[in-house]
Every structure is written in structure tokens, then in C-alpha cells.
């Protein structure tokens, strides 16, 4: 019998796993918020640093990070994607479809 998952609970757990995994990847300075979005009244609004979308037991994760200056960004991003995918699939019964990484900025060491 198929058991319905609690999307909010899984989203929270996956967010924690993604942030923890990011802290373990060489070259990641921090998980950060995306730059603010311009709204109708020209005020700035921040979006979440990690967004989790679960549909049909497939997970899409969007994460925004700062990378240390001097690191090769494509290598760091690839390592982060692999680490998050591995950790989420090992900790949940879900399959990771996509891990989208948005590099917001660089940080001097």
C-alpha cells in the first residue's frame, strides 16, 4: 500500500540535508539568499536560500551559495550537486531529479 508523504516535513528535512551537505563541500563559503527581487513598490524581498519541490516522489532542489574566490566554480558546483543528491537519497525514500545551484557571489579567503 502506497503511503502519502508529508511534503512540508520532507521539504524541511531536505533543506537541512542540503545546507549540511553544502558546508562539507570544499569551495563553498556559505549558503545564502538570492539577491532581492524588485516588486511593484520597488522594495527588496529575499527568496529562500534553498527551495525544495517534490512531485511524484521526485525532488528538485534549488540552492544559492557563495563560493570562495579562486576556486573553479564548475568543479565546486558539480561536487555540491553530487553531495546533495547522495545525501538526500541516502536519508529519504525520494529520488533527486535535479539540483540547481545558483552562485550568488564569491568570498575572499
C-alpha atoms as a PDB file:
ATOM      1  CA  UNK A   1       0.000   0.000   0.000  1.00  0.00           C
ATOM      2  CA  UNK A   2       1.379   3.386  -1.043  1.00  0.00           C
ATOM      3  CA  UNK A   3       1.779   5.796   1.851  1.00  0.00           C
ATOM      4  CA  UNK A   4       1.324   9.516   1.178  1.00  0.00           C
ATOM      5  CA  UNK A   5       4.352  11.549   2.255  1.00  0.00           C
ATOM      6  CA  UNK A   6       4.095  14.769   4.206  1.00  0.00           C
ATOM      7  CA  UNK A   7       5.516  17.312   1.742  1.00  0.00           C
ATOM      8  CA  UNK A   8       6.195  20.032   4.339  1.00  0.00           C
ATOM      9  CA  UNK A   9       8.102  17.646   6.588  1.00  0.00           C
ATOM     10  CA  UNK A  10      10.167  16.259   3.722  1.00  0.00           C
ATOM     11  CA  UNK A  11      10.890  19.775   2.409  1.00  0.00           C
ATOM     12  CA  UNK A  12      12.203  20.851   5.797  1.00  0.00           C
ATOM     13  CA  UNK A  13      14.343  17.728   6.154  1.00  0.00           C
ATOM     14  CA  UNK A  14      15.736  18.035   2.630  1.00  0.00           C
ATOM     15  CA  UNK A  15      16.556  21.702   3.217  1.00  0.00           C
ATOM     16  CA  UNK A  16      18.548  20.762   6.332  1.00  0.00           C
ATOM     17  CA  UNK A  17      20.354  17.982   4.461  1.00  0.00           C
ATOM     18  CA  UNK A  18      21.236  20.320   1.569  1.00  0.00           C
ATOM     19  CA  UNK A  19      22.628  23.020   3.865  1.00  0.00           C
ATOM     20  CA  UNK A  20      24.636  20.442   5.812  1.00  0.00           C
ATOM     21  CA  UNK A  21      25.994  18.911   2.605  1.00  0.00           C
ATOM     22  CA  UNK A  22      26.983  22.358   1.304  1.00  0.00           C
ATOM     23  CA  UNK A  23      29.003  23.037   4.446  1.00  0.00           C
ATOM     24  CA  UNK A  24      31.042  19.886   3.709  1.00  0.00           C
ATOM     25  CA  UNK A  25      31.963  20.752   0.105  1.00  0.00           C
ATOM     26  CA  UNK A  26      35.375  22.333  -0.463  1.00  0.00           C
ATOM     27  CA  UNK A  27      34.977  25.759  -2.019  1.00  0.00           C
ATOM     28  CA  UNK A  28      31.519  26.596  -0.660  1.00  0.00           C
ATOM     29  CA  UNK A  29      31.785  29.665   1.567  1.00  0.00           C
ATOM     30  CA  UNK A  30      28.132  29.769   2.597  1.00  0.00           C
ATOM     31  CA  UNK A  31      24.549  29.065   1.667  1.00  0.00           C
ATOM     32  CA  UNK A  32      22.974  32.444   1.073  1.00  0.00           C
ATOM     33  CA  UNK A  33      19.844  34.181  -0.039  1.00  0.00           C
ATOM     34  CA  UNK A  34      19.473  35.166  -3.660  1.00  0.00           C
ATOM     35  CA  UNK A  35      19.660  38.874  -4.328  1.00  0.00           C
ATOM     36  CA  UNK A  36      16.374  40.614  -3.584  1.00  0.00           C
ATOM     37  CA  UNK A  37      13.696  40.769  -6.202  1.00  0.00           C
ATOM     38  CA  UNK A  38      12.169  44.048  -7.284  1.00  0.00           C
ATOM     39  CA  UNK A  39       8.473  44.123  -6.512  1.00  0.00           C
ATOM     40  CA  UNK A  40       5.791  46.537  -7.686  1.00  0.00           C
ATOM     41  CA  UNK A  41       6.552  49.039  -4.935  1.00  0.00           C
ATOM     42  CA  UNK A  42      10.348  48.861  -5.566  1.00  0.00           C
ATOM     43  CA  UNK A  43      11.049  47.319  -2.169  1.00  0.00           C
ATOM     44  CA  UNK A  44      13.539  44.452  -1.917  1.00  0.00           C
ATOM     45  CA  UNK A  45      12.389  40.965  -0.972  1.00  0.00           C
ATOM     46  CA  UNK A  46      14.609  37.946  -0.298  1.00  0.00           C
ATOM     47  CA  UNK A  47      13.861  34.460  -1.535  1.00  0.00           C
ATOM     48  CA  UNK A  48      14.788  31.360   0.374  1.00  0.00           C
ATOM     49  CA  UNK A  49      18.371  30.098   0.067  1.00  0.00           C
ATOM     50  CA  UNK A  50      17.061  26.555  -0.516  1.00  0.00           C
ATOM     51  CA  UNK A  51      13.884  25.722  -2.378  1.00  0.00           C
ATOM     52  CA  UNK A  52      12.601  22.143  -2.449  1.00  0.00           C
ATOM     53  CA  UNK A  53       9.992  20.951  -4.920  1.00  0.00           C
ATOM     54  CA  UNK A  54       8.585  17.447  -4.506  1.00  0.00           C
ATOM     55  CA  UNK A  55       6.372  15.974  -7.198  1.00  0.00           C
ATOM     56  CA  UNK A  56       5.610  12.309  -7.780  1.00  0.00           C
ATOM     57  CA  UNK A  57       8.426  11.197  -5.418  1.00  0.00           C
ATOM     58  CA  UNK A  58      10.962  13.195  -7.428  1.00  0.00           C
ATOM     59  CA  UNK A  59      12.813  16.085  -5.814  1.00  0.00           C
ATOM     60  CA  UNK A  60      14.112  19.269  -7.387  1.00  0.00           C
ATOM     61  CA  UNK A  61      16.390  21.346  -5.182  1.00  0.00           C
ATOM     62  CA  UNK A  62      17.370  24.961  -5.884  1.00  0.00           C
ATOM     63  CA  UNK A  63      20.185  26.256  -3.677  1.00  0.00           C
ATOM     64  CA  UNK A  64      22.040  29.593  -3.639  1.00  0.00           C
ATOM     65  CA  UNK A  65      25.641  29.708  -2.456  1.00  0.00           C
ATOM     66  CA  UNK A  66      28.728  31.876  -2.188  1.00  0.00           C
ATOM     67  CA  UNK A  67      31.974  30.325  -3.458  1.00  0.00           C
ATOM     68  CA  UNK A  68      35.483  31.094  -2.229  1.00  0.00           C
ATOM     69  CA  UNK A  69      37.432  33.322  -4.605  1.00  0.00           C
ATOM     70  CA  UNK A  70      39.948  31.373  -6.674  1.00  0.00           C
ATOM     71  CA  UNK A  71      38.022  28.105  -6.692  1.00  0.00           C
ATOM     72  CA  UNK A  72      36.963  26.625 -10.028  1.00  0.00           C
ATOM     73  CA  UNK A  73      33.218  27.263  -9.937  1.00  0.00           C
ATOM     74  CA  UNK A  74      32.088  24.425 -12.264  1.00  0.00           C
ATOM     75  CA  UNK A  75      34.039  21.889 -10.176  1.00  0.00           C
ATOM     76  CA  UNK A  76      32.665  23.228  -6.887  1.00  0.00           C
ATOM     77  CA  UNK A  77      29.092  23.247  -8.249  1.00  0.00           C
ATOM     78  CA  UNK A  78      29.418  19.686  -9.592  1.00  0.00           C
ATOM     79  CA  UNK A  79      30.773  18.460  -6.238  1.00  0.00           C
ATOM     80  CA  UNK A  80      27.904  20.205  -4.439  1.00  0.00           C
ATOM     81  CA  UNK A  81      25.280  18.682  -6.740  1.00  0.00           C
ATOM     82  CA  UNK A  82      26.682  15.184  -6.261  1.00  0.00           C
ATOM     83  CA  UNK A  83      26.962  15.577  -2.475  1.00  0.00           C
ATOM     84  CA  UNK A  84      23.394  16.868  -2.069  1.00  0.00           C
ATOM     85  CA  UNK A  85      21.963  14.144  -4.330  1.00  0.00           C
ATOM     86  CA  UNK A  86      23.834  11.393  -2.474  1.00  0.00           C
ATOM     87  CA  UNK A  87      22.868  12.659   0.992  1.00  0.00           C
ATOM     88  CA  UNK A  88      19.177  13.263   0.198  1.00  0.00           C
ATOM     89  CA  UNK A  89      18.709   9.876  -1.468  1.00  0.00           C
ATOM     90  CA  UNK A  90      20.516   8.107   1.392  1.00  0.00           C
ATOM     91  CA  UNK A  91      18.354   9.847   4.001  1.00  0.00           C
ATOM     92  CA  UNK A  92      14.918   9.723   2.356  1.00  0.00           C
ATOM     93  CA  UNK A  93      12.880   7.407   0.169  1.00  0.00           C
ATOM     94  CA  UNK A  94      12.821  10.028  -2.579  1.00  0.00           C
ATOM     95  CA  UNK A  95      14.795  10.316  -5.818  1.00  0.00           C
ATOM     96  CA  UNK A  96      16.601  13.547  -6.611  1.00  0.00           C
ATOM     97  CA  UNK A  97      15.743  14.652 -10.142  1.00  0.00           C
ATOM     98  CA  UNK A  98      17.690  17.917 -10.237  1.00  0.00           C
ATOM     99  CA  UNK A  99      19.967  20.030  -8.050  1.00  0.00           C
ATOM    100  CA  UNK A 100      20.169  23.581  -9.398  1.00  0.00           C
ATOM    101  CA  UNK A 101      22.974  25.659  -7.908  1.00  0.00           C
ATOM    102  CA  UNK A 102      22.922  29.453  -8.128  1.00  0.00           C
ATOM    103  CA  UNK A 103      26.294  31.016  -7.359  1.00  0.00           C
ATOM    104  CA  UNK A 104      25.372  34.395  -5.913  1.00  0.00           C
ATOM    105  CA  UNK A 105      28.867  35.677  -5.223  1.00  0.00           C
ATOM    106  CA  UNK A 106      32.446  34.997  -4.263  1.00  0.00           C
ATOM    107  CA  UNK A 107      34.121  35.436  -0.908  1.00  0.00           C
ATOM    108  CA  UNK A 108      37.814  36.151  -0.279  1.00  0.00           C
ATOM    109  CA  UNK A 109      39.531  33.642   1.941  1.00  0.00           C
END
